[in-house]
Amino acid sequence: CYLGDFTEETRHYSTAWELSAGSCARAKLALGAAAMRRQAWEEARSELRCALGVKAHLAEAWYCCAACALKLGGKEEEALADLRRVVAIDPEHYQAWATLGGLFGQLRQPREALCAFREACRLRGEK
């Protein structure tokens, strides 16, 4: 992974993943981030899911998975599940709360949207 960080070549992250026999979540996180920069949302989501298979407690990776699902369109329920994981892992992730609010609004769930937006505002005010 360090070689990939230094050279910014994604092939090094792929090699790290292979050499680790699928246990280096950092490699898949880096590949997911690279795919997001290229706006390859499906690929990014797949890479992030692999990383989460190794380390399921990474709230930011769940948040990025939700963002990818929303960018892909038609995956609102998957995004909702991912965002719920984020706030379960990190209840102070105000961006996840705000995104949940927007998603609940899209899904015509005004009460849930209001609660999520209130929580996002409360948390944002504390930061």
Foldseek 3Di string as FASTA:
>chain_A
DVVCVVVVDLVVLVVVCVVVVLQPLVSLQSVLVVCVVVVVLVSSLVSLVSSCVNVVLDLVSLQSNLVSLVSVPPNLVSSLVSLVSNCVSPVLPLVSLQVNLVSCVVVVNNVSNVVSNVSSVVSVVVD
